[in-house]
Protein backbone atom coordinates (compact mmCIF):
# COMPACT_ATOMS: atom_id res chain seq x y z
CA MET A 1 16.48 21.29 -119.55
CA ARG A 2 19.84 20.89 -119.07
CA THR A 3 19.61 23.12 -115.92
CA PHE A 4 16.55 21.24 -114.91
CA ILE A 5 18.56 18.05 -115.26
CA CYS A 6 21.49 19.58 -112.89
CA LEU A 7 19.15 20.86 -110.28
CA LEU A 8 17.40 17.23 -110.14
CA SER A 9 20.91 15.84 -109.65
CA ALA A 10 21.71 18.08 -106.98
CA LEU A 11 18.40 16.76 -105.44
CA CYS A 12 19.29 13.31 -105.72
CA LEU A 13 22.70 14.08 -104.16
CA THR A 14 21.21 15.57 -101.14
CA ALA A 15 18.56 12.95 -100.60
CA PRO A 16 20.94 9.95 -99.56
CA ALA A 17 22.56 12.54 -96.85
CA ALA A 18 19.38 13.66 -95.59
CA LEU A 19 18.16 9.86 -95.40
CA ALA A 20 21.22 8.93 -93.45
CA GLN A 21 20.20 11.11 -90.66
CA SER A 22 18.56 9.87 -87.47
CA ASN A 23 15.04 11.11 -86.74
CA PHE A 24 13.94 10.16 -83.22
CA LYS A 25 10.67 10.09 -82.00
CA PRO A 26 8.84 9.51 -78.37
CA GLY A 27 7.84 5.80 -78.77
CA TYR A 28 8.34 2.24 -76.80
CA ILE A 29 9.88 -1.06 -77.50
CA LEU A 30 8.45 -4.17 -76.53
CA PRO A 31 11.06 -6.90 -75.30
CA PRO A 32 10.57 -10.67 -75.31
CA THR A 33 10.06 -10.85 -71.39
CA GLY A 34 9.54 -7.79 -69.34
CA ASP A 35 7.54 -4.42 -69.07
CA THR A 36 7.31 -1.94 -72.03
CA LEU A 37 10.52 0.03 -72.43
CA ARG A 38 9.71 3.86 -73.07
CA GLY A 39 12.14 6.24 -74.69
CA GLU A 40 12.78 7.31 -78.46
CA VAL A 41 12.40 5.32 -81.46
CA ASP A 42 14.22 6.31 -84.99
CA TYR A 43 11.25 7.51 -87.26
CA ARG A 44 12.24 5.85 -90.77
CA SER A 45 10.81 4.56 -93.92
CA GLU A 46 8.45 1.52 -93.75
CA GLN A 47 11.37 -0.69 -95.87
CA ARG A 48 13.58 0.08 -93.21
CA ASN A 49 11.66 -0.46 -90.07
CA ARG A 50 10.52 -3.89 -91.31
CA LYS A 51 14.14 -4.67 -90.83
CA LEU A 52 15.55 -2.83 -87.89
CA CYS A 53 14.40 -0.90 -84.77
CA ARG A 54 16.64 1.90 -83.57
CA PHE A 55 16.07 2.66 -79.62
CA ARG A 56 17.28 5.29 -76.91
CA PRO A 57 16.09 5.92 -73.61
CA ALA A 58 16.45 9.13 -73.87
CA SER A 59 17.69 11.98 -76.12
CA SER A 60 21.15 11.81 -74.57
CA GLY A 61 21.12 8.07 -74.06
CA THR A 62 23.03 5.56 -76.29
CA VAL A 63 21.22 4.09 -79.57
CA THR A 64 20.50 0.51 -79.58
CA GLU A 65 19.57 -1.72 -82.92
CA TYR A 66 17.20 -4.55 -82.51
CA GLN A 67 16.19 -6.94 -84.95
CA PRO A 68 12.90 -8.62 -85.50
CA ASN A 69 13.96 -11.78 -83.40
CA GLN A 70 14.94 -9.65 -80.42
CA LEU A 71 11.90 -7.60 -79.77
CA GLN A 72 8.00 -8.54 -79.62
CA GLY A 73 7.62 -5.09 -81.44
CA PHE A 74 7.67 -1.41 -80.95
CA GLY A 75 6.09 1.71 -81.74
CA TYR A 76 5.61 5.59 -81.68
CA SER A 77 3.64 7.41 -78.91
CA GLY A 78 0.13 8.05 -80.42
CA GLY A 79 1.19 6.67 -83.64
CA THR A 80 2.02 3.82 -85.84
CA SER A 81 2.96 0.29 -83.95
CA TYR A 82 4.65 -3.01 -85.08
CA GLN A 83 4.95 -6.49 -84.38
CA SER A 84 7.55 -8.95 -84.78
CA ARG A 85 5.99 -11.41 -87.04
CA GLU A 86 7.07 -14.82 -88.84
CA LEU A 87 6.30 -14.58 -92.62
CA PRO A 88 4.59 -17.49 -94.25
CA GLY A 89 6.88 -19.56 -96.92
CA ALA A 90 10.39 -21.08 -96.62
CA PRO A 91 12.99 -20.05 -95.65
CA ALA A 92 11.60 -18.69 -92.37
CA GLU A 93 11.71 -14.85 -92.16
CA LYS A 94 10.98 -12.84 -89.33
CA VAL A 95 10.24 -8.89 -89.76
CA PHE A 96 8.63 -6.12 -88.27
CA LEU A 97 4.78 -5.51 -89.65
CA GLN A 98 2.76 -2.45 -89.15
CA VAL A 99 -0.43 -3.38 -87.16
CA LEU A 100 -3.63 -2.31 -88.73
CA ALA A 101 -5.99 -4.52 -86.79
CA LEU A 102 -5.97 -6.77 -83.72
CA GLY A 103 -8.46 -9.18 -82.44
CA ASN A 104 -9.91 -12.63 -83.15
CA ALA A 105 -8.70 -11.96 -86.48
CA SER A 106 -5.54 -9.62 -87.01
CA LEU A 107 -4.40 -7.51 -89.85
CA TYR A 108 -0.74 -6.35 -90.90
CA ARG A 109 0.95 -4.39 -93.45
CA THR A 110 4.50 -4.02 -95.04
CA VAL A 111 6.52 -2.21 -97.84
CA GLN A 112 8.75 -4.20 -99.66
CA ALA A 113 12.26 -3.03 -101.25
CA ASP A 114 10.44 -2.40 -104.53
CA ASP A 115 8.19 0.12 -102.63
CA ARG A 116 4.97 -2.49 -103.03
CA GLU A 117 2.71 -3.08 -100.27
CA VAL A 118 1.83 -6.23 -98.83
CA TYR A 119 -0.91 -7.20 -96.34
CA TYR A 120 -0.88 -10.28 -94.15
CA ALA A 121 -3.89 -11.79 -92.01
CA GLY A 122 -3.79 -14.13 -89.32
CA ARG A 123 -5.75 -15.52 -86.00
CA GLU A 124 -5.53 -13.24 -83.18
CA THR A 125 -1.90 -12.13 -82.42
CA THR A 126 0.08 -15.40 -82.46
CA GLY A 127 -1.45 -17.64 -85.14
CA PRO A 128 0.35 -18.28 -88.33
CA LEU A 129 0.19 -15.53 -91.07
CA GLN A 130 -1.50 -15.79 -94.63
CA LEU A 131 -0.37 -13.65 -97.61
CA LEU A 132 -3.38 -11.59 -98.97
CA VAL A 133 -2.84 -11.86 -102.89
CA GLN A 134 -4.72 -9.87 -105.43
CA ARG A 135 -3.44 -10.58 -109.20
CA ASP A 136 -3.88 -8.75 -112.50
CA THR A 137 -2.97 -10.92 -115.52
CA THR A 138 -2.80 -9.68 -119.32
CA MET A 139 -4.87 -12.28 -121.51
CA MET A 140 -5.52 -12.50 -125.29
CA VAL A 141 -9.19 -12.61 -125.66
CA TYR A 142 -11.41 -12.17 -129.12
CA SER A 143 -13.48 -9.07 -129.32
CA LYS A 144 -16.65 -9.05 -131.50
CA ALA A 145 -16.51 -5.42 -131.58
CA VAL A 146 -13.25 -4.93 -133.34
CA GLY A 147 -13.41 -8.46 -134.89
CA ARG A 148 -10.01 -9.88 -133.44
CA GLU A 149 -8.17 -10.53 -130.42
CA ILE A 150 -7.23 -7.85 -128.13
CA ASN A 151 -5.22 -7.53 -124.77
CA THR A 152 -7.32 -7.38 -121.76
CA LEU A 153 -6.74 -7.27 -117.95
CA GLU A 154 -7.67 -10.29 -115.93
CA ARG A 155 -8.05 -9.90 -112.27
CA SER A 156 -8.00 -12.75 -109.58
CA TYR A 157 -8.77 -12.60 -105.87
CA PRO A 158 -7.18 -15.57 -104.09
CA PHE A 159 -7.31 -13.53 -101.07
CA ARG A 160 -11.07 -13.79 -100.82
CA SER A 161 -11.17 -17.61 -100.01
CA LYS A 162 -8.57 -16.76 -97.32
CA LEU A 163 -10.47 -14.24 -95.59
CA ALA A 164 -13.67 -16.43 -95.89
CA MET A 165 -11.94 -19.33 -94.24
CA LEU A 166 -10.32 -16.91 -91.38
CA MET A 167 -13.77 -15.23 -90.66
CA ALA A 168 -16.11 -18.35 -91.42
CA ASP A 169 -17.63 -18.19 -87.80
CA CYS A 170 -19.26 -14.74 -88.88
CA PRO A 171 -21.80 -15.28 -91.62
CA LYS A 172 -22.50 -11.50 -91.38
CA VAL A 173 -19.27 -10.43 -93.11
CA GLN A 174 -19.31 -13.47 -95.82
CA ALA A 175 -21.23 -11.14 -98.00
CA SER A 176 -18.80 -8.22 -98.08
CA ILE A 177 -15.70 -10.79 -98.69
CA VAL A 178 -17.47 -11.64 -101.97
CA ASN A 179 -16.81 -8.29 -103.43
CA MET A 180 -13.84 -7.19 -101.54
CA GLU A 181 -10.96 -5.52 -103.13
CA LEU A 182 -7.43 -5.50 -101.81
CA LYS A 183 -7.65 -1.76 -100.49
CA GLU A 184 -6.62 -0.90 -96.89
CA GLN A 185 -9.83 1.20 -96.06
CA ARG A 186 -12.06 -1.66 -97.10
CA LEU A 187 -9.88 -4.36 -95.21
CA LEU A 188 -9.99 -2.11 -92.03
CA LYS A 189 -13.58 -1.96 -92.14
CA LEU A 190 -13.94 -5.66 -92.63
CA PHE A 191 -11.57 -6.56 -89.76
CA SER A 192 -13.32 -4.02 -87.67
CA GLU A 193 -16.63 -5.63 -88.43
CA TYR A 194 -15.61 -9.27 -87.89
CA ASN A 195 -13.84 -8.79 -84.87
CA ALA A 196 -16.94 -6.89 -83.16
CA CYS A 197 -18.84 -9.96 -84.50
CA ALA A 198 -16.53 -12.93 -83.12
CA GLY A 199 -15.70 -11.29 -79.95
CA GLY A 200 -13.39 -13.51 -78.12
CA SER A 201 -10.52 -12.93 -75.52
CA ALA A 202 -8.10 -11.30 -78.01
CA PRO A 203 -7.70 -7.60 -77.54
CA GLN A 204 -9.79 -5.73 -80.18
CA TYR A 205 -7.86 -2.85 -82.07
CA VAL A 206 -8.03 -0.97 -85.54
CA VAL A 207 -5.72 1.61 -86.81
CA ALA A 208 -7.61 5.10 -87.04
CA GLU A 209 -9.29 5.68 -90.29
CA ARG A 210 -7.67 8.26 -92.55
CA ARG A 211 -9.35 11.47 -92.77
CA THR A 212 -9.27 13.79 -95.77
CA LYS A 213 -6.28 16.72 -94.66
CA ILE A 214 -5.66 19.99 -96.08
CA ASN A 215 -2.55 21.68 -95.61
CA PHE A 216 -1.32 25.14 -96.28
CA LEU A 217 1.74 25.71 -98.33
CA VAL A 218 4.14 28.66 -98.96
CA LEU A 219 6.63 28.72 -101.76
CA GLY A 220 9.21 30.80 -103.31
CA GLY A 221 12.24 30.53 -105.45
CA ILE A 222 14.24 31.19 -108.83
CA TYR A 223 12.84 30.92 -112.32
CA GLN A 224 14.15 31.17 -115.81
CA SER A 225 12.30 30.52 -119.22
CA LYS A 226 12.50 30.88 -123.05
CA LEU A 227 10.34 31.35 -125.97
CA THR A 228 10.59 31.40 -129.51
CA MET A 229 9.66 34.25 -131.84
CA ARG A 230 9.13 33.57 -135.53
CA TYR A 231 9.36 36.36 -137.91
CA ASP A 232 10.00 36.38 -141.63
CA PHE A 233 9.95 32.61 -141.58
CA SER A 234 12.85 32.18 -139.27
CA ASP A 235 12.99 31.09 -135.52
CA THR A 236 14.63 33.20 -132.87
CA GLU A 237 15.02 32.02 -129.24
CA LEU A 238 14.56 34.54 -126.60
CA LYS A 239 15.70 33.89 -122.98
CA ALA A 240 14.78 35.42 -119.92
CA ALA A 241 16.92 36.48 -116.93
CA ARG A 242 16.60 34.62 -113.78
CA SER A 243 13.67 36.23 -111.43
CA SER A 244 11.87 35.24 -108.35
CA ILE A 245 8.76 33.37 -108.04
CA PHE A 246 6.49 32.94 -105.01
CA GLY A 247 2.93 31.97 -103.99
CA GLY A 248 1.08 29.64 -101.79
CA GLY A 249 -1.42 27.02 -102.03
CA LEU A 250 -3.15 23.96 -100.62
CA ILE A 251 -2.10 20.14 -100.30
CA VAL A 252 -5.18 17.87 -99.95
CA HIS A 253 -4.81 14.23 -98.85
CA PRO A 254 -8.03 12.76 -99.44
CA SER A 255 -9.11 9.92 -97.49
CA PHE A 256 -9.97 7.47 -100.44
CA PHE A 257 -6.47 8.25 -102.18
CA HIS A 258 -3.53 5.87 -101.65
CA HIS A 259 -1.74 7.18 -98.54
CA LYS A 260 1.53 8.12 -100.73
CA LEU A 261 -0.79 10.25 -103.20
CA SER A 262 -2.00 13.78 -102.60
CA ALA A 263 -3.15 16.65 -104.71
CA ALA A 264 -2.05 20.61 -104.64
CA LEU A 265 -3.39 23.47 -106.01
CA GLU A 266 -1.09 26.39 -106.23
CA ALA A 267 -0.92 30.07 -107.18
CA LEU A 268 2.20 31.45 -108.20
CA TYR A 269 3.31 34.94 -109.24
CA VAL A 270 6.41 35.59 -111.83
CA LYS A 271 7.42 38.35 -114.20
CA GLN A 272 9.55 37.57 -117.07
CA THR A 273 11.25 39.70 -119.63
CA TYR A 274 12.73 37.98 -122.90
CA GLU A 275 14.92 40.10 -125.14
CA LYS A 276 17.49 39.75 -127.60
CA THR A 277 19.33 41.78 -130.28
CA TYR A 278 20.37 39.88 -133.15
CA GLN A 279 20.98 39.89 -137.00
CA GLY A 280 17.97 39.00 -139.01
CA LEU A 281 17.45 38.16 -142.89
CA VAL A 282 14.84 40.10 -144.72
CA THR A 283 12.74 37.80 -146.90
CA SER A 284 10.56 40.49 -148.71
CA GLY A 285 10.49 43.96 -150.09
CA LEU A 286 13.35 46.20 -151.18
CA LEU A 287 15.95 44.75 -148.84
CA THR A 288 14.91 40.86 -149.33
CA GLY A 289 18.24 38.79 -148.94
CA GLN A 290 20.00 41.19 -146.73
CA MET A 291 20.95 40.94 -142.97
CA VAL A 292 19.32 43.85 -140.81
CA PRO A 293 19.79 44.69 -136.81
CA ARG A 294 16.86 43.61 -134.84
CA TYR A 295 15.82 43.93 -131.29
CA ALA A 296 12.87 41.69 -129.74
CA VAL A 297 11.55 42.14 -126.41
CA VAL A 298 8.55 40.23 -124.79
CA ASN A 299 7.15 41.05 -121.05
CA LEU A 300 4.94 38.57 -119.38
CA THR A 301 3.93 39.05 -116.00
CA SER A 302 1.46 36.17 -115.00
CA ILE A 303 -0.32 34.65 -112.22
CA ARG A 304 -0.19 30.54 -112.50
CA LEU A 305 -2.12 27.92 -111.21
CA PRO A 306 -0.86 24.28 -111.13
CA LEU A 307 -2.92 21.54 -110.18
CA LEU A 308 -0.74 18.76 -109.39
CA MET A 309 -0.63 15.29 -108.33
CA ARG A 310 1.95 14.15 -106.08
CA TYR A 311 3.68 10.64 -105.19
CA THR A 312 5.56 10.23 -102.10
CA ILE A 313 8.29 7.77 -102.60
CA LEU A 314 9.36 7.33 -99.07
CA GLN A 315 8.08 7.93 -95.58
CA GLY A 316 10.35 8.92 -92.91
CA GLY A 317 12.78 11.62 -91.83
CA VAL A 318 13.14 12.43 -95.70
CA ARG A 319 10.71 11.88 -98.13
CA PRO A 320 11.20 12.40 -101.89
CA TYR A 321 8.30 12.94 -103.93
CA ILE A 322 7.61 13.47 -107.78
CA GLN A 323 4.55 15.45 -108.96
CA ALA A 324 3.16 16.34 -112.19
CA GLY A 325 -0.11 18.31 -113.68
CA ALA A 326 -1.52 20.86 -115.47
CA VAL A 327 -0.95 24.74 -115.18
CA VAL A 328 -3.33 27.63 -116.17
CA SER A 329 -1.51 31.00 -116.49
CA PHE A 330 -3.38 34.32 -116.52
CA GLN A 331 -1.34 37.21 -117.96
CA THR A 332 -1.97 40.37 -115.73
CA GLN A 333 0.47 42.23 -118.10
CA GLY A 334 1.86 41.34 -121.78
CA ASP A 335 3.26 42.70 -124.62
CA ALA A 336 5.70 42.12 -127.33
CA ARG A 337 7.64 43.81 -130.17
CA LEU A 338 10.14 43.62 -132.72
CA GLU A 339 12.14 46.63 -133.81
CA THR A 340 14.09 46.26 -137.34
CA GLU A 341 16.75 48.89 -138.36
CA ILE A 342 16.06 49.50 -142.01
CA PRO A 343 19.04 51.50 -143.53
CA ARG A 344 17.96 55.09 -144.85
CA PHE A 345 14.63 54.47 -143.55
CA GLY A 346 14.82 54.22 -139.88
CA THR A 347 13.23 51.88 -137.42
CA ASP A 348 10.45 49.59 -138.16
CA ARG A 349 8.23 48.65 -135.20
CA ARG A 350 6.20 45.79 -134.97
CA GLU A 351 4.02 44.66 -132.16
CA PHE A 352 2.31 41.62 -131.32
CA SER A 353 -0.73 40.92 -128.84
CA VAL A 354 -0.17 38.30 -126.22
CA ARG A 355 -2.83 35.94 -124.99
CA THR A 356 -4.43 36.71 -121.78
CA THR A 357 -4.59 33.06 -120.80
CA PHE A 358 -2.26 30.19 -121.90
CA PHE A 359 -2.26 26.34 -120.86
CA GLY A 360 0.65 24.17 -119.94
CA GLY A 361 2.21 21.16 -118.00
CA LEU A 362 4.48 20.68 -115.26
CA LEU A 363 6.89 18.06 -113.94
CA GLY A 364 8.64 18.30 -110.41
CA ALA A 365 10.84 16.28 -108.39
CA GLY A 366 11.83 17.05 -104.74
CA ILE A 367 12.28 15.98 -100.93
CA SER A 368 10.24 16.88 -97.94
CA ILE A 369 11.67 17.02 -94.54
CA PRO A 370 8.98 17.19 -91.46
CA THR A 371 9.77 19.35 -88.67
CA GLY A 372 7.60 17.69 -86.11
CA SER A 373 3.98 18.70 -85.58
CA VAL A 374 4.46 22.17 -87.27
CA GLY A 375 4.86 21.13 -90.84
CA SER A 376 7.59 20.23 -93.04
CA MET A 377 10.31 22.05 -95.28
CA GLN A 378 10.60 21.09 -98.74
CA LEU A 379 13.05 21.69 -102.01
CA GLU A 380 11.85 21.15 -105.52
CA ALA A 381 13.15 21.32 -109.30
CA ARG A 382 10.43 21.81 -111.72
CA ALA A 383 10.22 22.03 -115.56
CA GLU A 384 7.41 23.55 -117.42
CA LEU A 385 6.18 23.61 -121.03
CA TYR A 386 3.39 25.95 -122.26
CA ASP A 387 1.50 26.22 -125.47
CA GLY A 388 1.30 29.40 -127.92
CA THR A 389 1.86 32.51 -126.10
CA SER A 390 0.33 34.99 -128.72
CA GLU A 391 -2.88 35.28 -130.48
CA SER A 392 -0.90 34.25 -133.58
CA VAL A 393 0.59 30.87 -132.33
CA GLU A 394 3.17 31.57 -135.19
CA THR A 395 4.54 34.74 -133.95
CA LEU A 396 5.21 33.39 -130.31
CA SER A 397 5.77 29.61 -129.53
CA GLY A 398 5.06 28.50 -125.87
CA VAL A 399 7.12 29.03 -122.89
CA ARG A 400 9.62 26.50 -121.33
CA GLY A 401 10.68 27.02 -117.79
CA ILE A 402 12.57 25.70 -115.06
CA SER A 403 12.56 26.80 -111.36
CA LEU A 404 13.97 25.79 -107.77
CA LEU A 405 11.61 26.18 -105.28
CA ALA A 406 11.79 26.22 -101.40
CA GLY A 407 8.77 25.86 -99.50
CA TYR A 408 6.83 25.31 -96.02
CA THR A 409 3.89 22.92 -95.40
CA PHE A 410 1.94 23.75 -92.42
CA GLY A 411 0.55 20.82 -90.32
CA LYS A 412 1.41 17.32 -90.38
């Protein structure tokens, strides 16, 4: 675990330097007056984009920074676009909001400093904005089933009444608002239906609906682990030397997931040999109470199948992430033995059977760096813990391992 913390610390030190780097992509800015200016816009996290736009007319041009009160908006060619809008409340604040839908009613999104997503809606593209709020409140209520008060989650929907008033001229969508949840895909569908119903002179636009994406992943790195052998009522820790670990997998971005969540299924090959020579205490027989030389060795060759959920903390040029999940390990080869040197009698050799399948959990943290439309590189530190390795759980305990992996994901 100490090594895992060191690896994780190294990633944390690497991430800020990577985040500071520029990541310009083809895009445009909309000055307060005049035509659209095309060039390159720095592709950064949502939190940074809401406060500042960095633009250059060409790859060799000078970078100019624009605040929300200096532009109508900006965007990336064929991608996300932003408008400069004044937020409701006092004091007045102007920020760049991501455009989700435009029309008789418009929808915007932003990500605040605490990584919380916030949605705003307003009339056309110039009307005052309203914050869309959905609240969860913990309340004490009496439960007849358990005969006492219990904590329960109470959800309120203030945003529904705001949307109902905003879209009052289209009765067709009112029924949808009654059961609406503050979820992006449902909001997009509602605004698209309303703008088609209401018409008007405002240009109609809705951001493309997210579709399920599947990307292929290759991984490789170093792995080290340890386990515990119990014999004669004493525990001995066996440590394996560093070895290679490699494999591949699939990363799935379901359309119904939050856009920062994804799932991964991997297949990894690893071979470990645990061995140790030590002095062991004899607890039975003629040599009871004596210390004798012992040699323990365990060989494990396995195919491991992690099923993981990943949360990407930031979006932009560098994307830190954390992930966790379950692992099934299939042993393609496994054996364990303990040799004890008994004075005047030679060597006593004991063999232990190794389970062909065992289960565990995994926790990882890393950074992903996009490399354009081709894919993205990643660097990750992982910690793993497995259940009993031998048929008799009292003989061999679970494996505890750490790894440092580099990988590449193909596709955007």
